[in-house]
Amino acid sequence: MADPSIASAPRRTRLPRRLLVTRSAQEHAHGRSIVARAEGLGIPVVPLPANQVRLPPQPDERRAYAEAKATMALVVAPPSKLRLQPIAPSADWRVDLAEGCPAHCAYCYLAGSLSGPPITRVYANLDEIEAVLPDFLGKGRITSRSRARAHEGTTFEASCYTDPLAIEPLTGSLAALIRHFGAWDADVQLRFTSKFADVSSMLDLPHGGRTRMRASVNPPAFHRFEAGTDRVAARLAALRAMALAGYKVGLTIAPIIAAEGWREAYAGLIDLAAEALSGLPGLDLTAELITHRFTPGSREVLASWYPGSDLEMDPALRAEKRTKFAGTKFVYPPELMTELKTFFHAELAAKLPEARVLYWT
């Protein structure tokens, strides 16, 4: 099994090369704490005269992408972010700490859904975000009113538009939210999933059993599709460390990629997970199974970001589905979806019987 110390080894290369700070972000205490963290880490802080975030024009799209990915912007979450939205099938409500991610995944689900260059925008007004959470207690439809998942309480997902653990060394936002939920005397659960492994700042937090961390994992053979992320062994070691610290934990196997050799690759992945999580007393483990899909817009963006990727995104090999917003997405054909679903349910039942499968999509 991987050395658990890997889970707490921060990597300097994940930090942005600059932090842009909007004028209104400086008015919030959490924003000022992020500025102080950046200065302590030696990251150049660039105050902006207003609240617009712009980068200088670049001669080509690839350079613009690289500059954006290396930049973090400290902004104030707009009022729309304080009106929480449902996030089926994961949780009742989506609570955003940021938008954007420093990783370079060839299947990135943010591609095409965020406007402008892929700058990671971190929210300074964490106090305002936390203040609205009680308004949504008991009002969700995924766990609040679900017979199968009602024991989870009202659930809040923090990983919809970012990987909060990836940016945590600079922001401290995730730790602050975990402490908030730990002190909240209510039937609630904070959820986050990550492809990163530095959980050192999480282990001693007073989480009160109200946070579930999930490791987002794929087989080591498919790591080429997840550039800039931690290796799966480190993610699983981090998950074990969190379970030992009393957190609820889970596996987000996503996106499931039906590339050549997928059966052997995913069987090996589940073996690794079973080994990493073996012998844990009182393990509370879930599994979420998400197959690879894309939209015409995300396919176009990803092709420009990662022109050398061999990730299959051929509409002719997929089934077309309509989204709830009347858009189009491409998923695996029904026969392959059935084969994949049968395989994963059987493998998990045999090797990780403790895991409750929350959903397949």
Protein backbone atom coordinates (compact mmCIF):
# COMPACT_ATOMS: atom_id res chain seq x y z
CA MET A 1 0.00 0.00 0.00
CA ALA A 2 1.17 3.55 -0.67
CA ASP A 3 3.02 5.36 2.11
CA PRO A 4 0.41 7.54 3.88
CA SER A 5 2.99 10.32 4.16
CA ILE A 6 2.52 10.90 0.44
CA ALA A 7 -0.91 12.25 1.27
CA SER A 8 0.52 15.19 3.19
CA ALA A 9 3.38 16.14 0.89
CA PRO A 10 2.46 19.51 -0.71
CA ARG A 11 3.79 20.20 -4.18
CA ARG A 12 4.92 23.76 -4.85
CA THR A 13 4.13 23.44 -8.56
CA ARG A 14 0.38 23.54 -7.83
CA LEU A 15 0.45 27.10 -6.57
CA PRO A 16 -0.43 29.82 -9.07
CA ARG A 17 2.21 32.13 -10.47
CA ARG A 18 0.15 35.19 -9.55
CA LEU A 19 -2.88 36.16 -7.51
CA LEU A 20 -5.09 38.90 -8.93
CA VAL A 21 -7.17 40.63 -6.26
CA THR A 22 -10.29 42.61 -7.12
CA ARG A 23 -11.13 45.74 -5.22
CA SER A 24 -14.23 44.32 -3.51
CA ALA A 25 -12.43 41.10 -2.48
CA GLN A 26 -10.16 43.12 -0.22
CA GLU A 27 -13.17 44.21 1.82
CA HIS A 28 -13.71 40.69 3.21
CA ALA A 29 -11.71 39.19 6.06
CA HIS A 30 -11.40 35.83 4.31
CA GLY A 31 -10.13 37.61 1.20
CA ARG A 32 -7.49 39.41 3.22
CA SER A 33 -6.42 36.11 4.78
CA ILE A 34 -5.91 34.62 1.31
CA VAL A 35 -3.79 37.62 0.33
CA ALA A 36 -1.70 37.08 3.48
CA ARG A 37 -1.28 33.39 2.61
CA ALA A 38 -0.14 34.29 -0.91
CA GLU A 39 2.41 36.75 0.40
CA GLY A 40 3.67 34.15 2.87
CA LEU A 41 4.10 31.65 0.04
CA GLY A 42 5.95 34.17 -2.12
CA ILE A 43 3.18 34.37 -4.73
CA PRO A 44 3.03 37.79 -6.43
CA VAL A 45 -0.17 39.63 -5.46
CA VAL A 46 -1.58 41.98 -8.10
CA PRO A 47 -4.28 44.39 -6.80
CA LEU A 48 -6.83 45.29 -9.46
CA PRO A 49 -8.35 48.78 -9.62
CA ALA A 50 -11.87 47.42 -10.09
CA ASN A 51 -13.78 44.12 -10.04
CA GLN A 52 -13.10 42.94 -13.58
CA VAL A 53 -10.56 40.16 -14.10
CA ARG A 54 -8.67 40.30 -17.37
CA LEU A 55 -5.36 39.00 -18.64
CA PRO A 56 -3.26 40.68 -21.34
CA PRO A 57 -4.00 39.35 -24.85
CA GLN A 58 -1.80 36.47 -25.97
CA PRO A 59 -0.58 35.70 -29.50
CA ASP A 60 -2.14 32.23 -29.58
CA GLU A 61 -4.78 30.15 -27.83
CA ARG A 62 -2.32 27.77 -26.21
CA ARG A 63 -0.41 30.61 -24.57
CA ALA A 64 -3.65 32.18 -23.37
CA TYR A 65 -4.66 28.85 -21.82
CA ALA A 66 -1.30 28.46 -20.06
CA GLU A 67 -1.41 31.98 -18.65
CA ALA A 68 -4.96 31.52 -17.41
CA LYS A 69 -4.20 28.18 -15.75
CA ALA A 70 -1.26 29.76 -13.93
CA THR A 71 -3.43 32.57 -12.56
CA MET A 72 -5.74 32.69 -9.58
CA ALA A 73 -8.17 35.57 -9.07
CA LEU A 74 -9.64 36.55 -5.73
CA VAL A 75 -13.16 37.82 -6.34
CA VAL A 76 -16.50 38.21 -4.59
CA ALA A 77 -19.08 35.53 -5.37
CA PRO A 78 -22.01 37.22 -7.12
CA PRO A 79 -25.54 37.14 -5.63
CA SER A 80 -26.44 34.21 -7.88
CA LYS A 81 -23.93 32.05 -5.96
CA LEU A 82 -25.83 32.75 -2.76
CA ARG A 83 -28.98 31.24 -4.27
CA LEU A 84 -27.85 27.63 -4.09
CA GLN A 85 -28.74 25.28 -6.94
CA PRO A 86 -29.58 21.55 -6.81
CA ILE A 87 -26.75 19.26 -7.82
CA ALA A 88 -28.26 15.87 -8.69
CA PRO A 89 -27.37 13.09 -8.30
CA SER A 90 -24.59 14.02 -5.86
CA ALA A 91 -26.24 16.19 -3.23
CA ASP A 92 -29.11 18.47 -2.36
CA TRP A 93 -27.28 21.74 -2.97
CA ARG A 94 -24.17 23.07 -4.62
CA VAL A 95 -22.01 25.38 -2.52
CA ASP A 96 -19.21 26.97 -4.53
CA LEU A 97 -15.94 28.11 -2.96
CA ALA A 98 -14.39 28.84 -6.35
CA GLU A 99 -14.75 28.33 -10.08
CA GLY A 100 -11.96 26.70 -12.04
CA CYS A 101 -9.21 24.17 -11.33
CA PRO A 102 -5.41 24.16 -11.74
CA ALA A 103 -5.33 20.60 -13.15
CA HIS A 104 -5.08 19.73 -16.83
CA CYS A 105 -7.53 16.85 -17.31
CA ALA A 106 -8.19 15.92 -20.93
CA TYR A 107 -11.88 15.35 -20.14
CA CYS A 108 -12.38 18.48 -17.98
CA TYR A 109 -16.08 18.95 -17.26
CA LEU A 110 -15.58 22.70 -16.80
CA ALA A 111 -14.56 23.09 -20.44
CA GLY A 112 -17.25 24.96 -22.26
CA SER A 113 -19.22 25.74 -19.09
CA LEU A 114 -17.10 28.60 -17.75
CA SER A 115 -16.89 31.86 -19.66
CA GLY A 116 -13.54 33.25 -20.74
CA PRO A 117 -10.04 31.87 -20.09
CA PRO A 118 -9.79 29.13 -17.43
CA ILE A 119 -8.62 31.35 -14.57
CA THR A 120 -9.44 29.89 -11.15
CA ARG A 121 -11.67 32.42 -9.38
CA VAL A 122 -11.70 32.05 -5.61
CA TYR A 123 -14.44 33.63 -3.51
CA ALA A 124 -13.48 36.09 -0.78
CA ASN A 125 -16.96 36.40 0.77
CA LEU A 126 -16.99 33.04 2.51
CA ASP A 127 -18.89 34.57 5.41
CA GLU A 128 -21.81 35.45 3.12
CA ILE A 129 -21.78 31.98 1.58
CA GLU A 130 -21.91 30.32 5.01
CA ALA A 131 -24.67 32.69 6.16
CA VAL A 132 -27.17 31.48 3.53
CA LEU A 133 -26.74 27.75 4.17
CA PRO A 134 -29.44 27.45 6.88
CA ASP A 135 -32.02 28.73 4.39
CA PHE A 136 -31.71 25.44 2.50
CA LEU A 137 -32.04 22.97 5.37
CA GLY A 138 -34.45 20.13 4.60
CA LYS A 139 -35.42 21.58 1.24
CA GLY A 140 -33.39 19.40 -1.13
CA ARG A 141 -34.58 16.44 -3.17
CA ILE A 142 -31.49 14.22 -3.35
CA THR A 143 -30.91 13.36 0.31
CA SER A 144 -33.30 15.55 2.33
CA ARG A 145 -36.35 13.78 0.95
CA SER A 146 -34.81 10.52 -0.21
CA ARG A 147 -35.73 7.35 1.63
CA ALA A 148 -32.45 5.71 0.63
CA ARG A 149 -30.19 8.62 1.60
CA ALA A 150 -32.18 10.53 4.22
CA HIS A 151 -29.66 9.52 6.90
CA GLU A 152 -27.15 11.84 5.21
CA GLY A 153 -29.26 14.87 6.11
CA THR A 154 -29.22 17.97 3.94
CA THR A 155 -26.13 17.64 1.76
CA PHE A 156 -23.97 20.39 0.31
CA GLU A 157 -21.53 19.62 -2.52
CA ALA A 158 -18.38 21.79 -2.71
CA SER A 159 -16.78 20.20 -5.79
CA CYS A 160 -19.08 21.10 -8.65
CA TYR A 161 -17.09 23.91 -10.24
CA THR A 162 -13.69 23.39 -8.65
CA ASP A 163 -11.43 20.92 -6.88
CA PRO A 164 -11.34 22.59 -3.46
CA LEU A 165 -8.43 20.52 -2.18
CA ALA A 166 -6.25 21.54 -5.13
CA ILE A 167 -6.44 25.22 -4.15
CA GLU A 168 -6.60 24.74 -0.37
CA PRO A 169 -2.92 25.54 0.39
CA LEU A 170 -3.57 29.08 -0.80
CA THR A 171 -7.22 29.62 0.10
CA GLY A 172 -7.91 27.81 3.37
CA SER A 173 -11.56 27.89 2.28
CA LEU A 174 -12.23 24.18 2.55
CA ALA A 175 -10.85 23.92 6.08
CA ALA A 176 -12.94 26.92 7.11
CA LEU A 177 -16.09 25.31 5.68
CA ILE A 178 -15.32 21.98 7.37
CA ARG A 179 -15.01 23.78 10.71
CA HIS A 180 -18.28 25.59 10.01
CA PHE A 181 -20.13 22.31 9.40
CA GLY A 182 -18.45 20.72 12.40
CA ALA A 183 -19.86 23.44 14.66
CA TRP A 184 -23.29 23.45 12.98
CA ASP A 185 -25.73 21.60 15.20
CA ALA A 186 -27.96 20.34 12.41
CA ASP A 187 -28.57 17.24 10.30
CA VAL A 188 -26.21 18.27 7.51
CA GLN A 189 -23.26 16.96 5.52
CA LEU A 190 -20.56 18.73 3.55
CA ARG A 191 -19.23 16.76 0.59
CA PHE A 192 -16.18 17.26 -1.57
CA THR A 193 -14.25 15.13 -4.04
CA SER A 194 -10.69 15.60 -5.22
CA LYS A 195 -7.94 14.33 -7.49
CA PHE A 196 -5.37 15.72 -5.06
CA ALA A 197 -3.84 14.34 -1.90
CA ASP A 198 -2.59 17.04 0.48
CA VAL A 199 -4.99 16.55 3.39
CA SER A 200 -2.49 17.55 6.08
CA SER A 201 -4.49 20.63 7.08
CA MET A 202 -7.72 18.59 7.37
CA LEU A 203 -6.75 15.78 9.71
CA ASP A 204 -7.04 17.60 13.04
CA LEU A 205 -10.04 19.78 12.22
CA PRO A 206 -13.16 19.60 14.45
CA HIS A 207 -15.29 18.18 11.63
CA GLY A 208 -17.93 16.63 13.88
CA GLY A 209 -18.48 13.77 11.44
CA ARG A 210 -20.34 16.12 9.10
CA THR A 211 -17.94 16.04 6.14
CA ARG A 212 -17.46 13.29 3.56
CA MET A 213 -14.30 13.36 1.44
CA ARG A 214 -14.29 11.31 -1.73
CA ALA A 215 -11.21 10.52 -3.76
CA SER A 216 -11.84 10.95 -7.47
CA VAL A 217 -9.94 8.07 -9.02
CA ASN A 218 -9.07 6.41 -12.30
CA PRO A 219 -6.65 3.54 -13.04
CA PRO A 220 -2.93 4.39 -13.06
CA ALA A 221 -2.90 3.39 -16.74
CA PHE A 222 -5.21 6.34 -17.49
CA HIS A 223 -3.21 8.94 -15.57
CA ARG A 224 -2.19 10.47 -18.90
CA PHE A 225 -5.70 11.92 -19.06
CA GLU A 226 -5.26 13.66 -15.68
CA ALA A 227 -2.16 15.83 -16.02
CA GLY A 228 -1.27 17.98 -13.05
CA THR A 229 -3.07 15.80 -10.50
CA ASP A 230 -1.72 13.49 -7.81
CA ARG A 231 -1.17 9.83 -8.53
CA VAL A 232 -4.00 7.51 -7.57
CA ALA A 233 -1.91 5.83 -4.85
CA ALA A 234 -1.47 9.19 -3.12
CA ARG A 235 -5.19 9.97 -3.41
CA LEU A 236 -6.08 6.63 -1.84
CA ALA A 237 -3.52 7.15 0.92
CA ALA A 238 -5.13 10.52 1.61
CA LEU A 239 -8.55 8.86 1.78
CA ARG A 240 -7.25 6.36 4.32
CA ALA A 241 -5.74 9.17 6.40
CA MET A 242 -9.06 11.01 6.38
CA ALA A 243 -10.97 7.87 7.42
CA LEU A 244 -8.54 7.37 10.29
CA ALA A 245 -9.24 10.98 11.30
CA GLY A 246 -12.94 10.11 11.62
CA TYR A 247 -14.22 11.49 8.34
CA LYS A 248 -16.81 9.78 6.23
CA VAL A 249 -15.15 8.85 2.93
CA GLY A 250 -15.98 7.71 -0.57
CA LEU A 251 -14.74 6.84 -4.03
CA THR A 252 -15.76 8.87 -7.03
CA ILE A 253 -14.78 6.65 -9.94
CA ALA A 254 -14.89 9.27 -12.64
CA PRO A 255 -14.95 9.59 -15.44
CA ILE A 256 -15.17 5.92 -16.29
CA ILE A 257 -13.31 5.63 -19.59
CA ALA A 258 -14.03 2.63 -21.80
CA ALA A 259 -10.62 2.68 -23.46
CA GLU A 260 -8.80 -0.45 -24.55
CA GLY A 261 -8.13 -2.70 -21.56
CA TRP A 262 -10.70 -0.99 -19.35
CA ARG A 263 -11.80 -4.19 -17.60
CA GLU A 264 -8.30 -5.04 -16.39
CA ALA A 265 -7.52 -1.41 -15.57
CA TYR A 266 -10.60 -0.83 -13.42
CA ALA A 267 -10.36 -4.22 -11.75
CA GLY A 268 -6.85 -3.23 -10.72
CA LEU A 269 -8.09 0.16 -9.50
CA ILE A 270 -10.69 -1.43 -7.24
CA ASP A 271 -8.00 -3.80 -5.94
CA LEU A 272 -5.87 -0.76 -5.03
CA ALA A 273 -8.80 0.90 -3.28
CA ALA A 274 -9.64 -2.24 -1.33
CA GLU A 275 -6.02 -2.55 -0.18
CA ALA A 276 -5.79 1.14 0.79
CA LEU A 277 -8.99 0.98 2.85
CA SER A 278 -8.48 -2.41 4.47
CA GLY A 279 -8.59 -2.81 8.24
CA LEU A 280 -10.28 0.52 8.98
CA PRO A 281 -12.65 0.28 11.96
CA GLY A 282 -16.09 1.81 11.47
CA LEU A 283 -15.44 2.62 7.82
CA ASP A 284 -18.27 4.69 6.29
CA LEU A 285 -17.65 4.30 2.55
CA THR A 286 -19.66 5.27 -0.51
CA ALA A 287 -19.06 4.89 -4.24
CA GLU A 288 -20.22 7.14 -7.07
CA LEU A 289 -19.88 5.88 -10.64
CA ILE A 290 -19.77 8.46 -13.45
CA THR A 291 -19.13 7.53 -17.06
CA HIS A 292 -17.30 9.78 -19.49
CA ARG A 293 -19.45 12.13 -21.54
CA PHE A 294 -18.99 15.38 -23.43
CA THR A 295 -20.94 18.09 -25.22
CA PRO A 296 -20.21 19.59 -28.63
CA GLY A 297 -18.97 22.73 -26.87
CA SER A 298 -16.69 20.97 -24.40
CA ARG A 299 -15.28 18.77 -27.16
CA GLU A 300 -14.28 21.85 -29.16
CA VAL A 301 -12.69 23.56 -26.16
CA LEU A 302 -10.81 20.45 -25.05
CA ALA A 303 -9.47 19.87 -28.55
CA SER A 304 -7.93 23.36 -28.44
CA TRP A 305 -6.56 22.89 -24.92
CA TYR A 306 -5.14 19.39 -25.41
CA PRO A 307 -4.58 18.84 -29.15
CA GLY A 308 -2.38 15.77 -28.60
CA SER A 309 -4.77 13.85 -26.36
CA ASP A 310 -5.78 10.33 -27.37
CA LEU A 311 -8.95 10.42 -25.27
CA GLU A 312 -11.79 9.21 -27.50
CA MET A 313 -14.40 11.90 -28.11
CA ASP A 314 -15.97 10.77 -31.36
CA PRO A 315 -19.71 11.52 -31.58
CA ALA A 316 -20.08 8.69 -34.11
CA LEU A 317 -19.11 6.19 -31.40
CA ARG A 318 -21.53 7.60 -28.83
CA ALA A 319 -25.21 7.83 -28.07
CA GLU A 320 -26.75 11.29 -28.15
CA LYS A 321 -28.80 12.48 -25.19
CA ARG A 322 -30.63 15.69 -24.43
CA THR A 323 -29.76 17.53 -21.25
CA LYS A 324 -32.28 19.13 -18.89
CA PHE A 325 -31.33 22.48 -20.42
CA ALA A 326 -32.22 21.25 -23.93
CA GLY A 327 -28.57 20.81 -24.87
CA THR A 328 -26.83 17.76 -26.31
CA LYS A 329 -24.34 15.42 -24.69
CA PHE A 330 -22.66 12.29 -25.98
CA VAL A 331 -22.52 9.19 -23.76
CA TYR A 332 -21.54 5.58 -24.32
CA PRO A 333 -24.05 3.45 -26.29
CA PRO A 334 -26.67 1.58 -24.23
CA GLU A 335 -25.05 -1.84 -24.69
CA LEU A 336 -21.69 -0.62 -23.46
CA MET A 337 -23.30 1.28 -20.58
CA THR A 338 -25.00 -1.91 -19.43
CA GLU A 339 -21.73 -3.82 -19.67
CA LEU A 340 -19.89 -1.16 -17.68
CA LYS A 341 -22.57 -0.92 -15.00
CA THR A 342 -22.73 -4.68 -14.52
CA PHE A 343 -18.95 -4.88 -14.25
CA PHE A 344 -18.58 -2.13 -11.66
CA HIS A 345 -21.40 -3.30 -9.44
CA ALA A 346 -20.01 -6.84 -9.44
CA GLU A 347 -16.41 -5.74 -8.77
CA LEU A 348 -17.39 -3.46 -5.91
CA ALA A 349 -19.66 -6.06 -4.34
CA ALA A 350 -16.87 -8.63 -4.44
CA LYS A 351 -13.90 -6.48 -3.40
CA LEU A 352 -15.38 -3.55 -1.46
CA PRO A 353 -18.66 -4.84 -0.02
CA GLU A 354 -18.62 -2.00 2.54
CA ALA A 355 -19.15 0.55 -0.22
CA ARG A 356 -22.69 1.87 -0.74
CA VAL A 357 -23.14 2.73 -4.41
CA LEU A 358 -25.00 6.05 -4.40
CA TYR A 359 -25.64 6.32 -8.12
CA TRP A 360 -24.58 5.35 -11.63
CA THR A 361 -24.63 7.90 -14.41
